[in-house]
Amino acid sequence: MKRYHWDIYAVLEAPQELYFGHEVEINVNRVETVTLEGPGGKVVKAYFSPTKRRGIERRTLLWAPHRDGKTLGEHLECGIPGTCARMEPEGDKPTCPICRVYGALRPGEKTVIGRLTHGGGVAIQTLEPQEKQRAMHPSDLVRSGKDQENPTPFRREYNQPGLYYPVYNHALSVSEEEFAAAAYAFLNALPRVGAGNPKGACVLSDEEFGPYLVLDRYLVPKGARPIISPHQTDIEEALASFRQEARRVRGVSFASGKAEDAYFARWVGEAALAELERMAEVFAKEHLV
């Protein structure tokens, strides 16, 4: 089982407002933001936390439909926070493809260090969150035993539509079979990002570059890393930088969106999306159908 390092670089677009829960003040649900110090003073930006993205991806795997009619998590007897931490089969229970990559904790028995890390998430634009009034959902009243009460209005912040979020996933020393779980999770988590409703984001795409997506598989990191500075606020400059860095691979030429030698391979745009979809299918065939 040959191992590699893997990277995913992407720019996500939110086609609608999104709420990423952070903290609650009196009748106001706040979203997470970051404050940056630049030449023009302080700038506040929306923030899609890597830890939130990691949680969404893991739940996407746990709730994936298994061939026996259960979810994959039920089939594996793995969940959150009760992770199974099975790196090898135990009796009649199979190895967990989720814990192998995302890590796990079995209190008092075993700790599995995750080999997939998440980064980025600072929006390019400087559009601050907007408050909107909402009413408590009836299900919240039933859960609290107050089904006779009327819904209580409250205010919630939302990140504005059209924000671009550069995001990055990095896997350390995993096989293609193991990384297939990360590929499946990355693609299937996109329409499910956000707390409550509405949900969903997509990989930004245009006619010039196609999907703003880069996939690396390597032993030696020969390619420039298309990481957008959190201080960047100009959309065109940020995307131009991503395109330029995505095509910078030292000593290896591109053909049909792919550059490859014995130590490094990079897929860009549509080629990167196709390769992630291929690996997601590998995961589905092995663990779901």
Protein backbone atom coordinates (compact mmCIF):
# COMPACT_ATOMS: atom_id res chain seq x y z
CA MET A 1 0.00 0.00 0.00
CA LYS A 2 1.90 3.02 -1.29
CA ARG A 3 1.50 6.24 0.68
CA TYR A 4 1.63 9.87 -0.43
CA HIS A 5 0.93 13.33 0.89
CA TRP A 6 -2.19 14.96 -0.58
CA ASP A 7 -3.45 18.55 -0.76
CA ILE A 8 -6.74 20.06 -1.87
CA TYR A 9 -6.86 23.80 -2.63
CA ALA A 10 -10.21 25.36 -3.50
CA VAL A 11 -12.16 28.60 -3.55
CA LEU A 12 -15.73 28.10 -2.36
CA GLU A 13 -18.60 30.41 -3.22
CA ALA A 14 -21.69 30.86 -1.06
CA PRO A 15 -24.69 31.29 -3.40
CA GLN A 16 -26.85 32.46 -0.49
CA GLU A 17 -26.50 33.74 3.06
CA LEU A 18 -24.91 31.29 5.50
CA TYR A 19 -24.91 31.02 9.28
CA PHE A 20 -21.90 29.49 11.00
CA GLY A 21 -22.80 29.40 14.68
CA HIS A 22 -20.24 30.92 17.03
CA GLU A 23 -21.69 32.51 20.16
CA VAL A 24 -25.02 33.75 21.49
CA GLU A 25 -25.64 37.17 22.97
CA ILE A 26 -29.03 38.27 24.30
CA ASN A 27 -31.45 37.25 21.53
CA VAL A 28 -28.69 37.47 18.90
CA ASN A 29 -26.82 34.51 17.37
CA ARG A 30 -23.40 35.68 16.24
CA VAL A 31 -21.26 34.26 13.44
CA GLU A 32 -17.51 33.83 13.62
CA THR A 33 -15.36 36.62 12.17
CA VAL A 34 -11.67 37.51 12.15
CA THR A 35 -10.10 40.95 12.48
CA LEU A 36 -6.97 41.71 10.46
CA GLU A 37 -4.57 44.63 10.81
CA GLY A 38 -3.52 46.11 7.46
CA PRO A 39 -2.08 49.31 5.98
CA GLY A 40 -5.54 50.88 5.96
CA GLY A 41 -6.37 49.87 9.51
CA LYS A 42 -8.42 47.02 10.90
CA VAL A 43 -10.57 44.90 8.60
CA VAL A 44 -13.30 42.47 9.72
CA LYS A 45 -13.89 39.42 7.53
CA ALA A 46 -16.31 36.51 7.55
CA TYR A 47 -14.70 33.23 8.61
CA PHE A 48 -15.61 29.65 7.70
CA SER A 49 -13.71 27.88 10.47
CA PRO A 50 -11.66 24.81 9.42
CA THR A 51 -12.89 22.98 12.52
CA LYS A 52 -16.50 23.47 11.41
CA ARG A 53 -15.65 22.22 7.93
CA ARG A 54 -13.92 19.18 9.42
CA GLY A 55 -17.01 18.37 11.49
CA ILE A 56 -19.29 18.63 8.46
CA GLU A 57 -17.03 16.32 6.46
CA ARG A 58 -16.89 13.72 9.21
CA ARG A 59 -20.67 13.73 9.63
CA THR A 60 -21.04 13.40 5.85
CA LEU A 61 -19.10 10.13 6.08
CA LEU A 62 -20.93 8.90 9.18
CA TRP A 63 -24.32 9.56 7.57
CA ALA A 64 -23.41 8.11 4.16
CA PRO A 65 -25.98 5.48 3.08
CA HIS A 66 -24.65 1.93 3.49
CA ARG A 67 -25.80 -1.04 1.41
CA ASP A 68 -27.38 -2.73 4.45
CA GLY A 69 -29.90 0.10 4.84
CA LYS A 70 -28.09 1.74 7.73
CA THR A 71 -25.80 4.72 7.68
CA LEU A 72 -22.08 4.01 7.44
CA GLY A 73 -21.66 5.20 11.02
CA GLU A 74 -24.31 2.77 12.25
CA HIS A 75 -22.75 -0.06 10.26
CA LEU A 76 -19.30 0.69 11.70
CA GLU A 77 -20.66 1.46 15.18
CA CYS A 78 -18.80 4.76 14.99
CA GLY A 79 -20.12 8.22 15.72
CA ILE A 80 -19.50 11.60 17.33
CA PRO A 81 -18.29 11.80 20.04
CA GLY A 82 -18.24 7.99 20.35
CA THR A 83 -15.60 7.27 17.72
CA CYS A 84 -14.62 3.61 17.29
CA ALA A 85 -10.85 4.14 16.67
CA ARG A 86 -10.56 0.82 14.80
CA MET A 87 -7.37 1.01 12.79
CA GLU A 88 -7.52 -2.76 12.20
CA PRO A 89 -10.43 -5.25 12.22
CA GLU A 90 -11.54 -6.22 15.74
CA GLY A 91 -13.38 -9.53 15.74
CA ASP A 92 -16.23 -9.26 13.24
CA LYS A 93 -15.98 -5.45 13.15
CA PRO A 94 -14.16 -3.96 10.14
CA THR A 95 -11.45 -1.32 10.02
CA CYS A 96 -12.99 2.15 10.15
CA PRO A 97 -12.12 4.16 7.01
CA ILE A 98 -13.22 7.35 8.80
CA CYS A 99 -11.11 7.07 11.95
CA ARG A 100 -8.07 5.99 9.91
CA VAL A 101 -7.95 9.41 8.28
CA TYR A 102 -9.81 11.80 10.61
CA GLY A 103 -8.48 10.41 13.89
CA ALA A 104 -10.37 9.15 16.93
CA LEU A 105 -10.44 8.83 20.69
CA ARG A 106 -11.51 5.83 22.73
CA PRO A 107 -11.28 7.25 26.29
CA GLY A 108 -8.84 5.35 28.48
CA GLU A 109 -7.91 2.95 25.68
CA LYS A 110 -6.68 4.47 22.44
CA THR A 111 -5.97 7.75 20.70
CA VAL A 112 -5.64 7.88 16.91
CA ILE A 113 -3.99 11.02 15.56
CA GLY A 114 -5.78 12.31 12.47
CA ARG A 115 -3.76 12.61 9.29
CA LEU A 116 -6.08 15.11 7.60
CA THR A 117 -5.85 18.79 8.52
CA HIS A 118 -7.96 21.72 7.36
CA GLY A 119 -6.97 25.33 6.74
CA GLY A 120 -8.10 28.60 5.21
CA GLY A 121 -11.65 29.87 5.50
CA VAL A 122 -11.04 33.64 5.68
CA ALA A 123 -13.31 35.27 3.10
CA ILE A 124 -11.72 37.40 0.38
CA GLN A 125 -14.27 40.23 0.49
CA THR A 126 -14.76 42.54 3.46
CA LEU A 127 -18.54 42.18 3.68
CA GLU A 128 -19.49 42.07 7.35
CA PRO A 129 -22.36 39.87 8.61
CA GLN A 130 -25.93 41.13 8.50
CA GLU A 131 -28.57 40.60 11.20
CA LYS A 132 -31.98 39.20 10.33
CA GLN A 133 -34.95 38.41 12.54
CA ARG A 134 -36.06 34.81 12.87
CA ALA A 135 -38.59 32.93 15.00
CA MET A 136 -37.84 29.87 17.12
CA HIS A 137 -38.65 26.70 15.21
CA PRO A 138 -41.63 24.74 16.64
CA SER A 139 -39.37 21.70 17.13
CA ASP A 140 -37.30 23.73 19.61
CA LEU A 141 -40.43 24.42 21.64
CA VAL A 142 -41.39 20.73 21.71
CA ARG A 143 -37.90 19.67 22.78
CA SER A 144 -37.97 22.18 25.63
CA GLY A 145 -41.41 21.03 26.79
CA LYS A 146 -42.96 24.40 26.02
CA ASP A 147 -45.20 23.37 23.17
CA GLN A 148 -47.95 25.72 24.37
CA GLU A 149 -45.77 28.80 23.90
CA ASN A 150 -45.62 30.92 20.79
CA PRO A 151 -42.36 31.02 18.79
CA THR A 152 -39.98 33.60 20.23
CA PRO A 153 -38.44 36.08 17.78
CA PHE A 154 -34.67 36.44 17.88
CA ARG A 155 -31.98 37.89 15.65
CA ARG A 156 -29.29 35.95 13.84
CA GLU A 157 -26.23 37.09 11.94
CA TYR A 158 -25.59 35.71 8.47
CA ASN A 159 -22.54 35.83 6.24
CA GLN A 160 -23.65 37.57 3.07
CA PRO A 161 -24.25 35.79 -0.26
CA GLY A 162 -21.48 35.77 -2.84
CA LEU A 163 -18.57 35.57 -0.41
CA TYR A 164 -15.52 33.59 -1.59
CA TYR A 165 -13.82 31.31 0.94
CA PRO A 166 -10.36 29.91 0.07
CA VAL A 167 -10.08 26.52 1.81
CA TYR A 168 -7.36 23.88 2.03
CA ASN A 169 -7.17 20.22 3.08
CA HIS A 170 -3.84 18.48 3.72
CA ALA A 171 -3.42 14.72 4.21
CA LEU A 172 -0.20 13.29 5.62
CA SER A 173 1.12 9.91 4.48
CA VAL A 174 -2.07 8.19 3.36
CA SER A 175 -2.77 5.72 0.57
CA GLU A 176 -5.14 6.44 -2.30
CA GLU A 177 -7.69 4.10 -0.70
CA GLU A 178 -7.51 6.07 2.55
CA PHE A 179 -7.61 9.45 0.82
CA ALA A 180 -10.72 8.33 -1.06
CA ALA A 181 -12.66 8.92 2.18
CA ALA A 182 -11.41 12.52 2.28
CA ALA A 183 -12.33 13.02 -1.39
CA TYR A 184 -15.85 11.67 -0.80
CA ALA A 185 -16.27 13.86 2.28
CA PHE A 186 -14.98 17.03 0.59
CA LEU A 187 -17.36 16.75 -2.36
CA ASN A 188 -20.42 15.63 -0.41
CA ALA A 189 -19.99 18.20 2.37
CA LEU A 190 -20.26 21.18 0.01
CA PRO A 191 -24.08 21.32 -0.26
CA ARG A 192 -24.38 20.77 3.50
CA VAL A 193 -22.21 23.54 4.93
CA GLY A 194 -23.82 26.01 7.29
CA ALA A 195 -25.83 25.72 10.50
CA GLY A 196 -29.61 25.56 10.17
CA ASN A 197 -31.04 26.80 6.89
CA PRO A 198 -30.13 27.83 4.26
CA LYS A 199 -27.13 25.57 3.60
CA GLY A 200 -24.66 24.98 0.82
CA ALA A 201 -21.60 26.21 -1.03
CA CYS A 202 -19.98 25.29 -4.32
CA VAL A 203 -16.54 25.37 -5.86
CA LEU A 204 -16.18 28.68 -7.68
CA SER A 205 -15.90 28.23 -11.45
CA ASP A 206 -15.43 30.46 -14.48
CA GLU A 207 -14.85 30.05 -18.21
CA GLU A 208 -11.16 30.93 -18.01
CA PHE A 209 -10.05 28.44 -15.33
CA GLY A 210 -12.99 26.14 -14.74
CA PRO A 211 -13.41 25.06 -11.11
CA TYR A 212 -11.04 26.86 -8.74
CA LEU A 213 -9.74 23.54 -7.50
CA VAL A 214 -6.25 22.02 -7.26
CA LEU A 215 -5.34 18.50 -6.15
CA ASP A 216 -1.76 17.48 -5.31
CA ARG A 217 -0.36 13.99 -4.68
CA TYR A 218 3.32 13.97 -3.85
CA LEU A 219 6.43 12.79 -2.10
CA VAL A 220 8.31 16.00 -3.00
CA PRO A 221 6.25 19.25 -3.06
CA LYS A 222 7.28 20.66 -6.45
CA GLY A 223 4.28 22.89 -7.04
CA ALA A 224 3.62 26.40 -5.79
CA ARG A 225 0.84 26.41 -3.21
CA PRO A 226 -2.20 28.40 -4.42
CA ILE A 227 -2.96 29.94 -1.03
CA ILE A 228 -4.68 33.34 -0.98
CA SER A 229 -3.47 35.75 1.69
CA PRO A 230 -6.14 36.63 4.28
CA HIS A 231 -5.09 40.27 3.79
CA GLN A 232 -6.16 40.14 0.13
CA THR A 233 -9.45 41.97 -0.42
CA ASP A 234 -9.48 42.45 -4.20
CA ILE A 235 -11.36 39.59 -5.87
CA GLU A 236 -9.67 39.80 -9.27
CA GLU A 237 -6.18 39.95 -7.78
CA ALA A 238 -6.93 37.05 -5.43
CA LEU A 239 -8.28 34.80 -8.17
CA ALA A 240 -5.47 35.75 -10.56
CA SER A 241 -2.97 34.79 -7.86
CA PHE A 242 -4.71 31.41 -7.37
CA ARG A 243 -4.65 30.70 -11.13
CA GLN A 244 -0.99 31.68 -11.44
CA GLU A 245 0.20 29.61 -8.48
CA ALA A 246 -1.90 26.61 -9.56
CA ARG A 247 0.02 26.42 -12.85
CA ARG A 248 3.48 26.86 -11.32
CA VAL A 249 5.07 23.42 -11.09
CA ARG A 250 8.85 23.23 -11.14
CA GLY A 251 10.31 21.03 -13.86
CA VAL A 252 7.03 19.38 -14.86
CA SER A 253 4.84 20.38 -17.80
CA PHE A 254 1.05 20.34 -17.87
CA ALA A 255 -1.00 18.17 -20.23
CA SER A 256 -4.83 18.15 -20.09
CA GLY A 257 -4.87 19.83 -16.71
CA LYS A 258 -2.33 17.48 -15.12
CA ALA A 259 1.39 17.72 -14.35
CA GLU A 260 3.13 14.55 -13.16
CA ASP A 261 6.50 12.95 -12.59
CA ALA A 262 7.75 10.21 -10.24
CA TYR A 263 7.59 12.46 -7.15
CA PHE A 264 4.74 14.88 -7.75
CA ALA A 265 1.35 15.03 -9.49
CA ARG A 266 -1.00 18.00 -9.75
CA TRP A 267 -4.50 18.14 -11.19
CA VAL A 268 -6.02 21.58 -11.92
CA GLY A 269 -9.58 22.73 -12.62
CA GLU A 270 -11.83 20.16 -14.31
CA ALA A 271 -9.06 17.55 -14.12
CA ALA A 272 -8.88 18.01 -10.33
CA LEU A 273 -12.65 17.68 -9.99
CA ALA A 274 -12.67 14.53 -12.14
CA GLU A 275 -9.91 12.94 -10.05
CA LEU A 276 -11.70 13.72 -6.77
CA GLU A 277 -14.92 12.27 -8.20
CA ARG A 278 -13.05 9.14 -9.29
CA MET A 279 -11.67 8.64 -5.78
CA ALA A 280 -15.06 9.34 -4.21
CA GLU A 281 -16.42 6.54 -6.39
CA VAL A 282 -13.63 4.26 -5.15
CA PHE A 283 -14.78 4.97 -1.58
CA ALA A 284 -18.44 4.34 -2.44
CA LYS A 285 -17.68 1.02 -4.15
CA GLU A 286 -15.53 -0.19 -1.26
CA HIS A 287 -17.63 0.94 1.70
CA LEU A 288 -21.17 1.83 0.61
CA VAL A 289 -22.53 -0.29 -2.27
